[in-house]
Amino acid sequence: MLSRSAEENFNHAAKQAYIAFGIAIAEAALLKVDATPMEGFNGPQLDELLGLGEKQLKSVTLLPLGNRDEAGDWLVNMKKVRTPLDEFVIEYK
C-alpha cells in the first residue's frame, strides 16, 4: 500500500505469509508429510542465495518437508507428550 512505509508493508506481508504457512503445515500433516517450521536463519544470506532481492522478496521463515527416516530416528518410538486440552485451550461460553 502506497500510504504505508516499506517496513509497514513488509511486516504486513510477513503476517500474511504466516497464514499460508500455517495452512501448509496443516496440509502436510493431512498428507502424512513431515514438516519442520524454522526461523532463526540468516535471511539476507538466504535471500541472496535464492535471488529473492531481484524479485523484491524477502524470506521470513522456512518449511522443510519430507518423510522421516524411521530406522534412523531414535525419537520415533518414544511416547508422545500432549498437554491436556483443558490446560491448552481457554473456552468461553
PDB file of N, CA and C in Angstrom:
ATOM      1  N   MET A   1       0.849  -1.174   0.000  1.00  0.00           N
ATOM      2  CA  MET A   1       0.000   0.000   0.000  1.00  0.00           C
ATOM      3  C   MET A   1       0.892   1.233   0.000  1.00  0.00           C
ATOM      4  N   LEU A   2       0.601   2.142  -0.861  1.00  0.00           N
ATOM      5  CA  LEU A   2       1.444   3.319  -1.021  1.00  0.00           C
ATOM      6  C   LEU A   2       1.419   4.246   0.187  1.00  0.00           C
ATOM      7  N   SER A   3       0.350   4.178   0.989  1.00  0.00           N
ATOM      8  CA  SER A   3       0.258   5.066   2.146  1.00  0.00           C
ATOM      9  C   SER A   3       1.091   4.568   3.332  1.00  0.00           C
ATOM     10  N   ARG A   4       1.618   3.357   3.243  1.00  0.00           N
ATOM     11  CA  ARG A   4       2.427   2.785   4.322  1.00  0.00           C
ATOM     12  C   ARG A   4       3.906   2.820   3.956  1.00  0.00           C
ATOM     13  N   SER A   5       4.740   2.778   4.991  1.00  0.00           N
ATOM     14  CA  SER A   5       6.182   2.714   4.743  1.00  0.00           C
ATOM     15  C   SER A   5       6.550   1.311   4.245  1.00  0.00           C
ATOM     16  N   ALA A   6       7.748   1.188   3.698  1.00  0.00           N
ATOM     17  CA  ALA A   6       8.220  -0.114   3.211  1.00  0.00           C
ATOM     18  C   ALA A   6       8.267  -1.126   4.366  1.00  0.00           C
ATOM     19  N   GLU A   7       8.665  -0.666   5.546  1.00  0.00           N
ATOM     20  CA  GLU A   7       8.728  -1.562   6.706  1.00  0.00           C
ATOM     21  C   GLU A   7       7.328  -2.032   7.119  1.00  0.00           C
ATOM     22  N   GLU A   8       6.360  -1.117   7.117  1.00  0.00           N
ATOM     23  CA  GLU A   8       4.979  -1.496   7.446  1.00  0.00           C
ATOM     24  C   GLU A   8       4.440  -2.506   6.433  1.00  0.00           C
ATOM     25  N   ASN A   9       4.732  -2.288   5.165  1.00  0.00           N
ATOM     26  CA  ASN A   9       4.284  -3.224   4.135  1.00  0.00           C
ATOM     27  C   ASN A   9       4.946  -4.586   4.305  1.00  0.00           C
ATOM     28  N   PHE A  10       6.238  -4.596   4.622  1.00  0.00           N
ATOM     29  CA  PHE A  10       6.925  -5.869   4.841  1.00  0.00           C
ATOM     30  C   PHE A  10       6.320  -6.614   6.025  1.00  0.00           C
ATOM     31  N   ASN A  11       6.106  -5.907   7.139  1.00  0.00           N
ATOM     32  CA  ASN A  11       5.532  -6.555   8.325  1.00  0.00           C
ATOM     33  C   ASN A  11       4.138  -7.109   8.043  1.00  0.00           C
ATOM     34  N   HIS A  12       3.345  -6.379   7.299  1.00  0.00           N
ATOM     35  CA  HIS A  12       2.011  -6.849   6.930  1.00  0.00           C
ATOM     36  C   HIS A  12       2.114  -8.096   6.049  1.00  0.00           C
ATOM     37  N   ALA A  13       2.987  -8.061   5.058  1.00  0.00           N
ATOM     38  CA  ALA A  13       3.149  -9.209   4.159  1.00  0.00           C
ATOM     39  C   ALA A  13       3.670 -10.429   4.911  1.00  0.00           C
ATOM     40  N   ALA A  14       4.585 -10.213   5.859  1.00  0.00           N
ATOM     41  CA  ALA A  14       5.116 -11.334   6.645  1.00  0.00           C
ATOM     42  C   ALA A  14       4.004 -11.990   7.462  1.00  0.00           C
ATOM     43  N   LYS A  15       3.126 -11.190   8.044  1.00  0.00           N
ATOM     44  CA  LYS A  15       1.994 -11.744   8.801  1.00  0.00           C
ATOM     45  C   LYS A  15       1.075 -12.529   7.885  1.00  0.00           C
ATOM     46  N   GLN A  16       0.852 -12.038   6.680  1.00  0.00           N
ATOM     47  CA  GLN A  16       0.019 -12.753   5.721  1.00  0.00           C
ATOM     48  C   GLN A  16       0.674 -14.069   5.316  1.00  0.00           C
ATOM     49  N   ALA A  17       2.005 -14.060   5.183  1.00  0.00           N
ATOM     50  CA  ALA A  17       2.732 -15.275   4.825  1.00  0.00           C
ATOM     51  C   ALA A  17       2.553 -16.346   5.899  1.00  0.00           C
ATOM     52  N   TYR A  18       2.487 -15.924   7.159  1.00  0.00           N
ATOM     53  CA  TYR A  18       2.316 -16.889   8.243  1.00  0.00           C
ATOM     54  C   TYR A  18       0.946 -17.565   8.196  1.00  0.00           C
ATOM     55  N   ILE A  19      -0.051 -16.897   7.652  1.00  0.00           N
ATOM     56  CA  ILE A  19      -1.357 -17.533   7.489  1.00  0.00           C
ATOM     57  C   ILE A  19      -1.223 -18.707   6.525  1.00  0.00           C
ATOM     58  N   ALA A  20      -0.615 -18.459   5.370  1.00  0.00           N
ATOM     59  CA  ALA A  20      -0.396 -19.524   4.387  1.00  0.00           C
ATOM     60  C   ALA A  20       0.532 -20.595   4.949  1.00  0.00           C
ATOM     61  N   PHE A  21       1.505 -20.184   5.729  1.00  0.00           N
ATOM     62  CA  PHE A  21       2.463 -21.105   6.340  1.00  0.00           C
ATOM     63  C   PHE A  21       1.745 -22.101   7.255  1.00  0.00           C
ATOM     64  N   GLY A  22       0.826 -21.603   8.075  1.00  0.00           N
ATOM     65  CA  GLY A  22       0.047 -22.474   8.960  1.00  0.00           C
ATOM     66  C   GLY A  22      -0.797 -23.462   8.176  1.00  0.00           C
ATOM     67  N   ILE A  23      -1.395 -22.995   7.094  1.00  0.00           N
ATOM     68  CA  ILE A  23      -2.200 -23.880   6.251  1.00  0.00           C
ATOM     69  C   ILE A  23      -1.310 -24.937   5.606  1.00  0.00           C
ATOM     70  N   ALA A  24      -0.120 -24.568   5.175  1.00  0.00           N
ATOM     71  CA  ALA A  24       0.810 -25.521   4.565  1.00  0.00           C
ATOM     72  C   ALA A  24       1.213 -26.610   5.563  1.00  0.00           C
ATOM     73  N   ILE A  25       1.445 -26.241   6.820  1.00  0.00           N
ATOM     74  CA  ILE A  25       1.798 -27.223   7.848  1.00  0.00           C
ATOM     75  C   ILE A  25       0.635 -28.184   8.081  1.00  0.00           C
ATOM     76  N   ALA A  26      -0.578 -27.646   8.165  1.00  0.00           N
ATOM     77  CA  ALA A  26      -1.762 -28.495   8.367  1.00  0.00           C
ATOM     78  C   ALA A  26      -1.969 -29.431   7.177  1.00  0.00           C
ATOM     79  N   GLU A  27      -1.807 -28.938   5.971  1.00  0.00           N
ATOM     80  CA  GLU A  27      -1.984 -29.771   4.773  1.00  0.00           C
ATOM     81  C   GLU A  27      -0.916 -30.857   4.718  1.00  0.00           C
ATOM     82  N   ALA A  28       0.308 -30.522   5.086  1.00  0.00           N
ATOM     83  CA  ALA A  28       1.374 -31.527   5.123  1.00  0.00           C
ATOM     84  C   ALA A  28       0.995 -32.649   6.088  1.00  0.00           C
ATOM     85  N   ALA A  29       0.454 -32.297   7.237  1.00  0.00           N
ATOM     86  CA  ALA A  29       0.043 -33.311   8.212  1.00  0.00           C
ATOM     87  C   ALA A  29      -1.049 -34.200   7.630  1.00  0.00           C
ATOM     88  N   LEU A  30      -2.008 -33.610   6.931  1.00  0.00           N
ATOM     89  CA  LEU A  30      -3.072 -34.407   6.305  1.00  0.00           C
ATOM     90  C   LEU A  30      -2.515 -35.382   5.270  1.00  0.00           C
ATOM     91  N   LEU A  31      -1.441 -34.969   4.591  1.00  0.00           N
ATOM     92  CA  LEU A  31      -0.821 -35.814   3.568  1.00  0.00           C
ATOM     93  C   LEU A  31       0.231 -36.757   4.148  1.00  0.00           C
ATOM     94  N   LYS A  32       0.376 -36.744   5.476  1.00  0.00           N
ATOM     95  CA  LYS A  32       1.370 -37.574   6.171  1.00  0.00           C
ATOM     96  C   LYS A  32       2.809 -37.230   5.754  1.00  0.00           C
ATOM     97  N   VAL A  33       3.029 -35.938   5.503  1.00  0.00           N
ATOM     98  CA  VAL A  33       4.361 -35.434   5.174  1.00  0.00           C
ATOM     99  C   VAL A  33       4.864 -34.667   6.389  1.00  0.00           C
ATOM    100  N   ASP A  34       6.074 -34.961   6.811  1.00  0.00           N
ATOM    101  CA  ASP A  34       6.648 -34.272   7.964  1.00  0.00           C
ATOM    102  C   ASP A  34       7.036 -32.849   7.575  1.00  0.00           C
ATOM    103  N   ALA A  35       6.807 -31.908   8.485  1.00  0.00           N
ATOM    104  CA  ALA A  35       7.124 -30.504   8.260  1.00  0.00           C
ATOM    105  C   ALA A  35       7.793 -29.950   9.512  1.00  0.00           C
ATOM    106  N   THR A  36       8.840 -29.160   9.320  1.00  0.00           N
ATOM    107  CA  THR A  36       9.559 -28.575  10.439  1.00  0.00           C
ATOM    108  C   THR A  36       9.661 -27.068  10.241  1.00  0.00           C
ATOM    109  N   PRO A  37       8.773 -26.284  10.870  1.00  0.00           N
ATOM    110  CA  PRO A  37       8.858 -24.831  10.716  1.00  0.00           C
ATOM    111  C   PRO A  37      10.149 -24.298  11.331  1.00  0.00           C
ATOM    112  N   MET A  38      10.779 -23.357  10.640  1.00  0.00           N
ATOM    113  CA  MET A  38      12.065 -22.837  11.096  1.00  0.00           C
ATOM    114  C   MET A  38      12.126 -21.320  10.990  1.00  0.00           C
ATOM    115  N   GLU A  39      12.717 -20.723  12.003  1.00  0.00           N
ATOM    116  CA  GLU A  39      13.126 -19.322  11.975  1.00  0.00           C
ATOM    117  C   GLU A  39      14.571 -19.301  12.468  1.00  0.00           C
ATOM    118  N   GLY A  40      15.141 -18.138  12.632  1.00  0.00           N
ATOM    119  CA  GLY A  40      16.490 -18.032  13.181  1.00  0.00           C
ATOM    120  C   GLY A  40      17.579 -18.281  12.157  1.00  0.00           C
ATOM    121  N   PHE A  41      17.248 -18.268  10.890  1.00  0.00           N
ATOM    122  CA  PHE A  41      18.244 -18.441   9.835  1.00  0.00           C
ATOM    123  C   PHE A  41      18.742 -17.066   9.391  1.00  0.00           C
ATOM    124  N   ASN A  42      19.786 -17.044   8.600  1.00  0.00           N
ATOM    125  CA  ASN A  42      20.347 -15.795   8.096  1.00  0.00           C
ATOM    126  C   ASN A  42      19.549 -15.381   6.857  1.00  0.00           C
ATOM    127  N   GLY A  43      18.518 -14.552   7.074  1.00  0.00           N
ATOM    128  CA  GLY A  43      17.619 -14.145   5.999  1.00  0.00           C
ATOM    129  C   GLY A  43      18.317 -13.480   4.824  1.00  0.00           C
ATOM    130  N   PRO A  44      19.141 -12.464   5.065  1.00  0.00           N
ATOM    131  CA  PRO A  44      19.814 -11.807   3.938  1.00  0.00           C
ATOM    132  C   PRO A  44      20.676 -12.770   3.111  1.00  0.00           C
ATOM    133  N   GLN A  45      21.336 -13.692   3.796  1.00  0.00           N
ATOM    134  CA  GLN A  45      22.186 -14.659   3.088  1.00  0.00           C
ATOM    135  C   GLN A  45      21.324 -15.625   2.252  1.00  0.00           C
ATOM    136  N   LEU A  46      20.204 -16.081   2.822  1.00  0.00           N
ATOM    137  CA  LEU A  46      19.299 -16.963   2.083  1.00  0.00           C
ATOM    138  C   LEU A  46      18.678 -16.220   0.900  1.00  0.00           C
ATOM    139  N   ASP A  47      18.271 -14.970   1.136  1.00  0.00           N
ATOM    140  CA  ASP A  47      17.682 -14.167   0.065  1.00  0.00           C
ATOM    141  C   ASP A  47      18.655 -14.025  -1.110  1.00  0.00           C
ATOM    142  N   GLU A  48      19.935 -13.820  -0.785  1.00  0.00           N
ATOM    143  CA  GLU A  48      20.957 -13.696  -1.833  1.00  0.00           C
ATOM    144  C   GLU A  48      21.125 -15.025  -2.569  1.00  0.00           C
ATOM    145  N   LEU A  49      21.195 -16.112  -1.818  1.00  0.00           N
ATOM    146  CA  LEU A  49      21.358 -17.434  -2.419  1.00  0.00           C
ATOM    147  C   LEU A  49      20.218 -17.759  -3.393  1.00  0.00           C
ATOM    148  N   LEU A  50      18.985 -17.392  -3.006  1.00  0.00           N
ATOM    149  CA  LEU A  50      17.813 -17.697  -3.817  1.00  0.00           C
ATOM    150  C   LEU A  50      17.459 -16.600  -4.822  1.00  0.00           C
ATOM    151  N   GLY A  51      18.202 -15.491  -4.795  1.00  0.00           N
ATOM    152  CA  GLY A  51      17.920 -14.387  -5.714  1.00  0.00           C
ATOM    153  C   GLY A  51      16.597 -13.699  -5.429  1.00  0.00           C
ATOM    154  N   LEU A  52      16.187 -13.677  -4.161  1.00  0.00           N
ATOM    155  CA  LEU A  52      14.890 -13.094  -3.822  1.00  0.00           C
ATOM    156  C   LEU A  52      14.862 -11.581  -3.977  1.00  0.00           C
ATOM    157  N   GLY A  53      15.995 -10.918  -3.735  1.00  0.00           N
ATOM    158  CA  GLY A  53      16.050  -9.471  -3.850  1.00  0.00           C
ATOM    159  C   GLY A  53      15.709  -8.997  -5.251  1.00  0.00           C
ATOM    160  N   GLU A  54      16.118  -9.778  -6.250  1.00  0.00           N
ATOM    161  CA  GLU A  54      15.828  -9.435  -7.649  1.00  0.00           C
ATOM    162  C   GLU A  54      14.322  -9.458  -7.925  1.00  0.00           C
ATOM    163  N   LYS A  55      13.593 -10.202  -7.110  1.00  0.00           N
ATOM    164  CA  LYS A  55      12.138 -10.306  -7.262  1.00  0.00           C
ATOM    165  C   LYS A  55      11.411  -9.436  -6.236  1.00  0.00           C
ATOM    166  N   GLN A  56      12.187  -8.601  -5.537  1.00  0.00           N
ATOM    167  CA  GLN A  56      11.663  -7.735  -4.477  1.00  0.00           C
ATOM    168  C   GLN A  56      10.959  -8.541  -3.390  1.00  0.00           C
ATOM    169  N   LEU A  57      11.576  -9.676  -3.012  1.00  0.00           N
ATOM    170  CA  LEU A  57      11.051 -10.554  -1.962  1.00  0.00           C
ATOM    171  C   LEU A  57      12.078 -10.694  -0.854  1.00  0.00           C
ATOM    172  N   LYS A  58      11.607 -11.086   0.339  1.00  0.00           N
ATOM    173  CA  LYS A  58      12.471 -11.390   1.479  1.00  0.00           C
ATOM    174  C   LYS A  58      11.939 -12.646   2.143  1.00  0.00           C
ATOM    175  N   SER A  59      12.833 -13.465   2.653  1.00  0.00           N
ATOM    176  CA  SER A  59      12.414 -14.659   3.376  1.00  0.00           C
ATOM    177  C   SER A  59      12.034 -14.293   4.807  1.00  0.00           C
ATOM    178  N   VAL A  60      11.020 -14.982   5.337  1.00  0.00           N
ATOM    179  CA  VAL A  60      10.622 -14.764   6.728  1.00  0.00           C
ATOM    180  C   VAL A  60      10.633 -16.061   7.524  1.00  0.00           C
ATOM    181  N   THR A  61      10.506 -17.200   6.856  1.00  0.00           N
ATOM    182  CA  THR A  61      10.508 -18.488   7.540  1.00  0.00           C
ATOM    183  C   THR A  61      10.828 -19.577   6.530  1.00  0.00           C
ATOM    184  N   LEU A  62      11.165 -20.747   7.031  1.00  0.00           N
ATOM    185  CA  LEU A  62      11.455 -21.906   6.181  1.00  0.00           C
ATOM    186  C   LEU A  62      10.547 -23.050   6.589  1.00  0.00           C
ATOM    187  N   LEU A  63      10.211 -23.904   5.637  1.00  0.00           N
ATOM    188  CA  LEU A  63       9.394 -25.079   5.938  1.00  0.00           C
ATOM    189  C   LEU A  63       9.951 -26.295   5.207  1.00  0.00           C
ATOM    190  N   PRO A  64      10.953 -26.949   5.803  1.00  0.00           N
ATOM    191  CA  PRO A  64      11.433 -28.195   5.198  1.00  0.00           C
ATOM    192  C   PRO A  64      10.320 -29.244   5.244  1.00  0.00           C
ATOM    193  N   LEU A  65      10.149 -29.967   4.154  1.00  0.00           N
ATOM    194  CA  LEU A  65       9.136 -31.018   4.039  1.00  0.00           C
ATOM    195  C   LEU A  65       9.824 -32.320   3.665  1.00  0.00           C
ATOM    196  N   GLY A  66       9.285 -33.429   4.131  1.00  0.00           N
ATOM    197  CA  GLY A  66       9.854 -34.720   3.756  1.00  0.00           C
ATOM    198  C   GLY A  66       9.254 -35.845   4.561  1.00  0.00           C
ATOM    199  N   ASN A  67       9.865 -36.991   4.423  1.00  0.00           N
ATOM    200  CA  ASN A  67       9.455 -38.180   5.165  1.00  0.00           C
ATOM    201  C   ASN A  67      10.586 -38.584   6.095  1.00  0.00           C
ATOM    202  N   ARG A  68      10.242 -38.853   7.330  1.00  0.00           N
ATOM    203  CA  ARG A  68      11.268 -39.190   8.315  1.00  0.00           C
ATOM    204  C   ARG A  68      11.909 -40.539   8.009  1.00  0.00           C
ATOM    205  N   ASP A  69      13.128 -40.667   8.444  1.00  0.00           N
ATOM    206  CA  ASP A  69      13.864 -41.922   8.340  1.00  0.00           C
ATOM    207  C   ASP A  69      13.625 -42.672   9.645  1.00  0.00           C
ATOM    208  N   GLU A  70      12.555 -43.465   9.686  1.00  0.00           N
ATOM    209  CA  GLU A  70      12.175 -44.130  10.931  1.00  0.00           C
ATOM    210  C   GLU A  70      13.270 -45.045  11.455  1.00  0.00           C
ATOM    211  N   ALA A  71      14.035 -45.660  10.567  1.00  0.00           N
ATOM    212  CA  ALA A  71      15.116 -46.548  11.004  1.00  0.00           C
ATOM    213  C   ALA A  71      16.215 -45.778  11.736  1.00  0.00           C
ATOM    214  N   GLY A  72      16.423 -44.519  11.363  1.00  0.00           N
ATOM    215  CA  GLY A  72      17.470 -43.729  11.987  1.00  0.00           C
ATOM    216  C   GLY A  72      16.957 -42.713  12.986  1.00  0.00           C
ATOM    217  N   ASP A  73      15.669 -42.741  13.297  1.00  0.00           N
ATOM    218  CA  ASP A  73      15.060 -41.759  14.200  1.00  0.00           C
ATOM    219  C   ASP A  73      14.888 -42.363  15.584  1.00  0.00           C
ATOM    220  N   TRP A  74      15.737 -41.991  16.514  1.00  0.00           N
ATOM    221  CA  TRP A  74      15.677 -42.563  17.860  1.00  0.00           C
ATOM    222  C   TRP A  74      14.463 -42.076  18.637  1.00  0.00           C
ATOM    223  N   LEU A  75      13.790 -41.018  18.158  1.00  0.00           N
ATOM    224  CA  LEU A  75      12.602 -40.498  18.840  1.00  0.00           C
ATOM    225  C   LEU A  75      11.300 -41.168  18.388  1.00  0.00           C
ATOM    226  N   VAL A  76      11.348 -41.918  17.281  1.00  0.00           N
ATOM    227  CA  VAL A  76      10.123 -42.405  16.656  1.00  0.00           C
ATOM    228  C   VAL A  76       9.270 -43.280  17.587  1.00  0.00           C
ATOM    229  N   ASN A  77       9.867 -44.049  18.465  1.00  0.00           N
ATOM    230  CA  ASN A  77       9.112 -44.945  19.339  1.00  0.00           C
ATOM    231  C   ASN A  77       8.871 -44.397  20.737  1.00  0.00           C
ATOM    232  N   MET A  78       9.306 -43.168  20.984  1.00  0.00           N
ATOM    233  CA  MET A  78       9.082 -42.576  22.297  1.00  0.00           C
ATOM    234  C   MET A  78       7.633 -42.142  22.436  1.00  0.00           C
ATOM    235  N   LYS A  79       7.127 -42.244  23.653  1.00  0.00           N
ATOM    236  CA  LYS A  79       5.756 -41.829  23.926  1.00  0.00           C
ATOM    237  C   LYS A  79       5.620 -40.323  23.681  1.00  0.00           C
ATOM    238  N   LYS A  80       4.571 -39.940  22.981  1.00  0.00           N
ATOM    239  CA  LYS A  80       4.311 -38.529  22.721  1.00  0.00           C
ATOM    240  C   LYS A  80       3.722 -37.888  23.978  1.00  0.00           C
ATOM    241  N   VAL A  81       4.156 -36.694  24.277  1.00  0.00           N
ATOM    242  CA  VAL A  81       3.648 -35.958  25.427  1.00  0.00           C
ATOM    243  C   VAL A  81       2.696 -34.888  24.903  1.00  0.00           C
ATOM    244  N   ARG A  82       1.484 -34.926  25.372  1.00  0.00           N
ATOM    245  CA  ARG A  82       0.484 -33.963  24.937  1.00  0.00           C
ATOM    246  C   ARG A  82      -0.089 -33.239  26.154  1.00  0.00           C
ATOM    247  N   THR A  83      -0.219 -31.929  26.054  1.00  0.00           N
ATOM    248  CA  THR A  83      -0.835 -31.141  27.108  1.00  0.00           C
ATOM    249  C   THR A  83      -2.326 -31.435  27.110  1.00  0.00           C
ATOM    250  N   PRO A  84      -2.910 -31.672  28.282  1.00  0.00           N
ATOM    251  CA  PRO A  84      -4.359 -31.894  28.334  1.00  0.00           C
ATOM    252  C   PRO A  84      -5.108 -30.710  27.728  1.00  0.00           C
ATOM    253  N   LEU A  85      -6.191 -30.993  27.035  1.00  0.00           N
ATOM    254  CA  LEU A  85      -6.945 -29.974  26.324  1.00  0.00           C
ATOM    255  C   LEU A  85      -7.363 -28.832  27.241  1.00  0.00           C
ATOM    256  N   ASP A  86      -7.793 -29.131  28.462  1.00  0.00           N
ATOM    257  CA  ASP A  86      -8.254 -28.067  29.363  1.00  0.00           C
ATOM    258  C   ASP A  86      -7.113 -27.156  29.832  1.00  0.00           C
ATOM    259  N   GLU A  87      -5.861 -27.586  29.685  1.00  0.00           N
ATOM    260  CA  GLU A  87      -4.719 -26.743  30.021  1.00  0.00           C
ATOM    261  C   GLU A  87      -4.217 -25.970  28.799  1.00  0.00           C
ATOM    262  N   PHE A  88      -4.637 -26.397  27.626  1.00  0.00           N
ATOM    263  CA  PHE A  88      -4.146 -25.827  26.373  1.00  0.00           C
ATOM    264  C   PHE A  88      -5.129 -24.826  25.756  1.00  0.00           C
ATOM    265  N   VAL A  89      -6.418 -25.044  25.978  1.00  0.00           N
ATOM    266  CA  VAL A  89      -7.461 -24.247  25.365  1.00  0.00           C
ATOM    267  C   VAL A  89      -8.227 -23.473  26.425  1.00  0.00           C
ATOM    268  N   ILE A  90      -8.492 -22.210  26.159  1.00  0.00           N
ATOM    269  CA  ILE A  90      -9.373 -21.416  27.026  1.00  0.00           C
ATOM    270  C   ILE A  90     -10.722 -21.377  26.341  1.00  0.00           C
ATOM    271  N   GLU A  91     -11.718 -21.903  26.983  1.00  0.00           N
ATOM    272  CA  GLU A  91     -13.043 -21.973  26.399  1.00  0.00           C
ATOM    273  C   GLU A  91     -13.939 -20.897  27.004  1.00  0.00           C
ATOM    274  N   TYR A  92     -14.571 -20.130  26.120  1.00  0.00           N
ATOM    275  CA  TYR A  92     -15.516 -19.111  26.555  1.00  0.00           C
ATOM    276  C   TYR A  92     -16.913 -19.565  26.177  1.00  0.00           C
ATOM    277  N   LYS A  93     -17.813 -19.488  27.127  1.00  0.00           N
ATOM    278  CA  LYS A  93     -19.206 -19.906  26.865  1.00  0.00           C
ATOM    279  C   LYS A  93     -20.127 -18.729  27.017  1.00  0.00           C
TER     280      LYS A  93
END
